[in-house]
Amino acid sequence: MLENTETDITGKNAPPLFSVAEIPISDIEANPFQPRENFNDKELDELVESIKVHGLIQPVTVRKMGYGKYQLISGERRTRAAIRAGLEKIPAYIRVADDQGMLEMSLIENIHRENLNAIEIAISYKRLIEECNLKHEDVATRIGKDRSTVTNYLRLLKLPVEIQVAIRDQQISMGHARCLIGIEEPEVQLHLLKLIIEEDLSVREVEELARQSKDELIEVKPQAPEKKKTEKPEKIIALEKELSEKTQLKIKIKIKKQGKGELILPFNSEEELESITRILNRE
């Protein structure tokens, strides 16, 4: 990755090119070649509310114009919504005007990093298509994947932002996300997202729920598929008892799948919470 740091007119270091940085919206000028003039007001309002809650998930793309000034390449809708939401700075990919080849190589290199989450990969695919004028087939060829793989990742960006955040934070898997993509109604998607997280549902269980009608899922609000109750291991029961005796609280340990779980420390007042804190600090 290039670290092409420059110094602006104030003598301060400007963000490096080919990086993501938080830059002032006031330093970004509109793209004079923007073909899109009309934006759906309702969708824009929804994006504004989403940004107020979650921030701007997908960075815009700008090109360096010199002396701390940038020109918008893509993301005018996101920029307008960010302004309405009252943001002073937004995340932006920074590039120069004639670096098409370098941008493409940088994006492809980034895609092959091992620690990228599914949303970051999807955003990189989208940038290759929008900013490098590539088709789905072209992207697939360059990254060595099937075209269907590229398409499936791009479909993630059509999901409600709450689901994108859950994917990014690894609260749900790609398998869960594919189940949600097949549902048309956003309210049903979000209802299922809540069930997945709260009930720790498997992909197969979500597939079963997704086959139900909207009325069954939203109005009737069914319980998640009944799970086989697993017996709590003796060592966990013993640990619960030991911790409960030490803290004088009824401590519970919940064991989930794949070694995950929760340690529940109940308290009935601020004094009890302070007591727990003292005990933990002493340990």
Protein backbone atom coordinates (compact mmCIF):
# COMPACT_ATOMS: atom_id res chain seq x y z
CA MET A 1 0.00 0.00 0.00
CA LEU A 2 1.34 3.39 -0.95
CA GLU A 3 1.91 5.87 1.84
CA ASN A 4 1.96 8.90 -0.42
CA THR A 5 1.64 11.49 2.33
CA GLU A 6 1.56 15.16 1.29
CA THR A 7 1.68 18.41 3.19
CA ASP A 8 -1.18 20.87 2.73
CA ILE A 9 -0.99 24.66 2.67
CA THR A 10 -1.21 24.83 6.48
CA GLY A 11 1.93 22.73 6.83
CA LYS A 12 0.03 19.77 8.30
CA ASN A 13 0.31 16.28 6.88
CA ALA A 14 -2.62 15.40 4.62
CA PRO A 15 -4.08 11.85 4.69
CA PRO A 16 -2.08 9.42 2.50
CA LEU A 17 -3.36 8.54 -0.96
CA PHE A 18 -5.00 5.14 -1.49
CA SER A 19 -6.12 5.10 2.14
CA VAL A 20 -9.36 5.58 4.07
CA ALA A 21 -9.43 8.72 6.20
CA GLU A 22 -11.94 10.91 8.00
CA ILE A 23 -11.99 14.19 6.10
CA PRO A 24 -14.09 17.34 6.59
CA ILE A 25 -17.16 17.48 4.35
CA SER A 26 -16.38 21.17 3.80
CA ASP A 27 -13.17 20.10 2.00
CA ILE A 28 -15.10 17.99 -0.55
CA GLU A 29 -16.45 19.59 -3.71
CA ALA A 30 -19.15 18.07 -5.89
CA ASN A 31 -18.32 16.01 -8.95
CA PRO A 32 -19.07 18.17 -12.03
CA PHE A 33 -19.55 15.01 -14.09
CA GLN A 34 -22.10 13.45 -11.73
CA PRO A 35 -24.78 12.02 -14.07
CA ARG A 36 -27.34 11.59 -11.30
CA GLU A 37 -29.33 14.69 -10.43
CA ASN A 38 -32.46 13.40 -8.68
CA PHE A 39 -32.45 11.48 -5.41
CA ASN A 40 -35.45 9.78 -3.79
CA ASP A 41 -36.33 11.97 -0.78
CA LYS A 42 -37.80 9.11 1.25
CA GLU A 43 -34.76 6.89 0.72
CA LEU A 44 -32.47 9.83 1.50
CA ASP A 45 -34.35 10.51 4.76
CA GLU A 46 -34.04 6.83 5.72
CA LEU A 47 -30.29 6.98 5.05
CA VAL A 48 -30.03 10.12 7.20
CA GLU A 49 -31.67 8.33 10.14
CA SER A 50 -29.43 5.30 9.63
CA ILE A 51 -26.30 7.48 9.64
CA LYS A 52 -27.42 9.15 12.88
CA VAL A 53 -27.56 5.72 14.53
CA HIS A 54 -24.75 3.75 12.87
CA GLY A 55 -22.55 6.36 11.22
CA LEU A 56 -21.54 6.14 7.55
CA ILE A 57 -20.85 2.43 6.90
CA GLN A 58 -19.63 2.70 3.29
CA PRO A 59 -16.93 5.35 2.69
CA VAL A 60 -17.27 7.71 -0.26
CA THR A 61 -14.49 8.00 -2.84
CA VAL A 62 -12.70 11.30 -3.54
CA ARG A 63 -9.70 12.41 -5.54
CA LYS A 64 -7.00 14.70 -4.25
CA MET A 65 -7.20 18.20 -5.70
CA GLY A 66 -4.34 19.78 -3.71
CA TYR A 67 -4.08 21.97 -0.60
CA GLY A 68 -6.46 19.83 1.46
CA LYS A 69 -9.23 19.89 -1.14
CA TYR A 70 -10.97 16.86 -2.62
CA GLN A 71 -13.47 16.17 -5.39
CA LEU A 72 -16.18 13.57 -5.01
CA ILE A 73 -15.91 10.59 -7.38
CA SER A 74 -18.65 8.36 -5.97
CA GLY A 75 -21.00 8.62 -2.99
CA GLU A 76 -22.95 11.84 -3.57
CA ARG A 77 -26.09 10.36 -2.00
CA ARG A 78 -24.13 9.29 1.09
CA THR A 79 -22.48 12.73 1.29
CA ARG A 80 -25.82 14.55 1.09
CA ALA A 81 -27.27 12.31 3.78
CA ALA A 82 -24.22 12.82 6.01
CA ILE A 83 -24.63 16.61 5.72
CA ARG A 84 -28.31 16.33 6.67
CA ALA A 85 -27.35 14.08 9.59
CA GLY A 86 -25.08 16.83 10.89
CA LEU A 87 -21.73 15.11 10.33
CA GLU A 88 -18.70 17.35 9.92
CA LYS A 89 -16.35 14.58 8.75
CA ILE A 90 -16.94 11.40 6.73
CA PRO A 91 -14.78 8.38 5.86
CA ALA A 92 -13.41 8.57 2.31
CA TYR A 93 -11.13 6.60 0.00
CA ILE A 94 -8.51 9.04 -1.30
CA ARG A 95 -7.05 8.68 -4.79
CA VAL A 96 -5.61 10.85 -7.58
CA ALA A 97 -7.14 11.56 -10.97
CA ASP A 98 -5.17 9.18 -13.17
CA ASP A 99 -4.46 6.18 -10.98
CA GLN A 100 -6.93 3.68 -12.48
CA GLY A 101 -4.44 0.83 -12.71
CA MET A 102 -3.02 1.49 -9.25
CA LEU A 103 -6.54 1.63 -7.76
CA GLU A 104 -7.48 -1.67 -9.35
CA MET A 105 -4.34 -3.41 -8.10
CA SER A 106 -4.77 -1.94 -4.63
CA LEU A 107 -8.39 -3.11 -4.38
CA ILE A 108 -7.57 -6.62 -5.60
CA GLU A 109 -4.66 -6.87 -3.17
CA ASN A 110 -6.95 -5.72 -0.37
CA ILE A 111 -9.61 -8.31 -1.23
CA HIS A 112 -7.10 -11.13 -0.71
CA ARG A 113 -6.34 -10.09 2.87
CA GLU A 114 -7.30 -12.84 5.30
CA ASN A 115 -8.96 -10.69 7.95
CA LEU A 116 -11.57 -8.94 5.79
CA ASN A 117 -15.19 -9.39 6.76
CA ALA A 118 -17.89 -10.06 4.17
CA ILE A 119 -19.07 -6.44 4.02
CA GLU A 120 -15.54 -5.13 3.40
CA ILE A 121 -15.16 -7.65 0.56
CA ALA A 122 -18.51 -6.63 -0.91
CA ILE A 123 -17.56 -2.94 -0.80
CA SER A 124 -14.27 -3.71 -2.58
CA TYR A 125 -16.13 -5.60 -5.32
CA LYS A 126 -18.51 -2.65 -5.68
CA ARG A 127 -15.62 -0.21 -6.02
CA LEU A 128 -14.00 -2.35 -8.73
CA ILE A 129 -17.25 -2.26 -10.68
CA GLU A 130 -18.11 1.41 -10.17
CA GLU A 131 -14.68 3.04 -10.17
CA CYS A 132 -12.77 0.76 -12.52
CA ASN A 133 -15.69 0.24 -14.93
CA LEU A 134 -15.57 -3.55 -14.60
CA LYS A 135 -18.37 -6.07 -15.07
CA HIS A 136 -19.14 -8.86 -12.60
CA GLU A 137 -17.34 -11.31 -14.90
CA ASP A 138 -14.26 -9.05 -15.04
CA VAL A 139 -14.08 -8.81 -11.25
CA ALA A 140 -14.47 -12.59 -10.92
CA THR A 141 -11.63 -13.18 -13.39
CA ARG A 142 -9.27 -10.74 -11.66
CA ILE A 143 -9.81 -12.19 -8.17
CA GLY A 144 -10.01 -15.83 -9.24
CA LYS A 145 -13.60 -16.43 -8.08
CA ASP A 146 -16.83 -17.53 -9.73
CA ARG A 147 -19.13 -14.80 -11.02
CA SER A 148 -21.86 -16.06 -8.67
CA THR A 149 -19.54 -15.46 -5.70
CA VAL A 150 -19.08 -11.82 -6.69
CA THR A 151 -22.83 -11.38 -7.20
CA ASN A 152 -23.67 -12.95 -3.83
CA TYR A 153 -21.29 -10.61 -2.00
CA LEU A 154 -22.69 -7.56 -3.79
CA ARG A 155 -26.23 -8.55 -2.78
CA LEU A 156 -25.19 -8.09 0.86
CA LEU A 157 -25.03 -4.34 0.27
CA LYS A 158 -28.75 -4.32 -0.56
CA LEU A 159 -29.63 -5.59 2.92
CA PRO A 160 -30.78 -3.11 5.64
CA VAL A 161 -27.85 -1.41 7.31
CA GLU A 162 -28.60 -3.14 10.64
CA ILE A 163 -27.97 -6.50 8.95
CA GLN A 164 -24.80 -5.22 7.26
CA VAL A 165 -23.52 -4.13 10.67
CA ALA A 166 -24.35 -7.58 12.11
CA ILE A 167 -22.40 -9.24 9.26
CA ARG A 168 -19.48 -6.86 9.71
CA ASP A 169 -19.38 -7.51 13.47
CA GLN A 170 -19.66 -11.29 12.88
CA GLN A 171 -22.93 -11.57 14.79
CA ILE A 172 -24.31 -13.55 11.84
CA SER A 173 -22.61 -15.60 9.12
CA MET A 174 -22.72 -15.45 5.33
CA GLY A 175 -25.07 -18.44 5.47
CA HIS A 176 -27.50 -16.49 7.64
CA ALA A 177 -27.18 -13.48 5.34
CA ARG A 178 -28.02 -15.55 2.24
CA CYS A 179 -31.25 -16.66 3.93
CA LEU A 180 -32.17 -13.04 4.65
CA ILE A 181 -31.36 -11.88 1.11
CA GLY A 182 -34.09 -14.17 -0.24
CA ILE A 183 -36.75 -12.29 1.79
CA GLU A 184 -38.30 -9.22 0.15
CA GLU A 185 -39.73 -7.40 3.18
CA PRO A 186 -37.15 -5.45 5.26
CA GLU A 187 -39.28 -5.77 8.41
CA VAL A 188 -39.22 -9.55 8.09
CA GLN A 189 -35.47 -9.51 7.50
CA LEU A 190 -34.93 -7.44 10.65
CA HIS A 191 -37.31 -9.63 12.66
CA LEU A 192 -35.31 -12.71 11.68
CA LEU A 193 -32.03 -10.91 12.44
CA LYS A 194 -33.25 -10.35 15.99
CA LEU A 195 -34.20 -14.02 16.34
CA ILE A 196 -30.84 -15.20 14.96
CA ILE A 197 -28.92 -13.15 17.53
CA GLU A 198 -31.19 -13.72 20.52
CA GLU A 199 -31.82 -17.43 19.93
CA ASP A 200 -28.41 -18.29 18.43
CA LEU A 201 -30.17 -19.88 15.44
CA SER A 202 -28.33 -22.10 12.97
CA VAL A 203 -28.52 -21.46 9.22
CA ARG A 204 -30.85 -24.47 8.82
CA GLU A 205 -33.21 -23.07 11.45
CA VAL A 206 -33.29 -19.70 9.69
CA GLU A 207 -34.02 -21.42 6.38
CA GLU A 208 -37.05 -23.06 8.00
CA LEU A 209 -38.29 -19.75 9.38
CA ALA A 210 -37.71 -17.99 6.05
CA ARG A 211 -40.20 -20.36 4.39
CA GLN A 212 -43.01 -19.00 6.56
CA SER A 213 -45.24 -16.20 5.34
CA LYS A 214 -44.86 -12.60 6.41
CA ASP A 215 -48.02 -12.82 8.55
CA GLU A 216 -46.75 -15.91 10.32
CA LEU A 217 -43.43 -14.25 11.09
CA ILE A 218 -44.49 -10.72 12.02
CA GLU A 219 -48.10 -10.84 13.25
CA VAL A 220 -48.15 -14.23 14.90
CA LYS A 221 -44.52 -13.85 16.04
CA PRO A 222 -43.70 -17.55 16.34
CA GLN A 223 -41.15 -18.92 18.70
CA ALA A 224 -37.85 -19.97 17.20
CA PRO A 225 -37.63 -23.68 16.33
CA GLU A 226 -37.44 -25.74 19.50
CA LYS A 227 -33.91 -26.79 20.25
CA LYS A 228 -32.73 -29.90 21.96
CA LYS A 229 -31.88 -29.03 25.53
CA THR A 230 -28.28 -29.86 26.27
CA GLU A 231 -27.27 -30.85 29.76
CA LYS A 232 -24.91 -28.45 31.49
CA PRO A 233 -21.51 -30.10 32.17
CA GLU A 234 -20.73 -30.93 35.78
CA LYS A 235 -17.64 -28.70 35.78
CA ILE A 236 -19.78 -25.71 34.72
CA ILE A 237 -22.29 -26.44 37.50
CA ALA A 238 -19.43 -26.64 39.99
CA LEU A 239 -17.98 -23.35 38.70
CA GLU A 240 -21.39 -21.65 39.03
CA LYS A 241 -21.60 -22.81 42.65
CA GLU A 242 -18.07 -21.67 43.45
CA LEU A 243 -18.59 -18.21 41.92
CA SER A 244 -21.98 -17.84 43.61
CA GLU A 245 -20.46 -18.61 47.02
CA LYS A 246 -17.63 -16.13 46.47
CA THR A 247 -19.88 -13.27 45.38
CA GLN A 248 -23.02 -14.17 47.36
CA LEU A 249 -24.92 -13.80 44.06
CA LYS A 250 -26.81 -16.36 42.02
CA ILE A 251 -24.39 -16.56 39.08
CA LYS A 252 -25.39 -18.40 35.91
CA ILE A 253 -23.19 -19.63 33.06
CA LYS A 254 -24.91 -20.20 29.71
CA ILE A 255 -23.14 -22.43 27.22
CA LYS A 256 -23.85 -21.96 23.51
CA LYS A 257 -22.49 -23.52 20.35
CA GLN A 258 -18.82 -23.66 19.34
CA GLY A 259 -17.55 -22.94 22.85
CA LYS A 260 -19.37 -19.60 23.11
CA GLY A 261 -21.37 -18.59 26.17
CA GLU A 262 -22.34 -15.97 28.69
CA LEU A 263 -21.45 -15.33 32.33
CA ILE A 264 -24.44 -13.68 34.03
CA LEU A 265 -23.84 -11.66 37.22
CA PRO A 266 -27.22 -10.35 38.46
CA PHE A 267 -27.48 -7.39 40.82
CA ASN A 268 -30.38 -5.48 42.35
CA SER A 269 -28.78 -2.15 43.18
CA GLU A 270 -25.81 0.09 42.49
CA GLU A 271 -24.34 -1.04 45.81
CA GLU A 272 -24.39 -4.68 44.69
CA LEU A 273 -22.78 -3.67 41.37
CA GLU A 274 -20.01 -1.85 43.24
CA SER A 275 -19.54 -4.94 45.42
CA ILE A 276 -19.14 -7.11 42.31
CA THR A 277 -16.62 -4.64 40.89
CA ARG A 278 -14.57 -4.71 44.10
CA ILE A 279 -14.56 -8.50 44.07
CA LEU A 280 -13.42 -8.64 40.45
CA ASN A 281 -10.69 -6.08 41.01
CA ARG A 282 -9.45 -7.99 44.05
CA GLU A 283 -9.26 -11.21 41.99
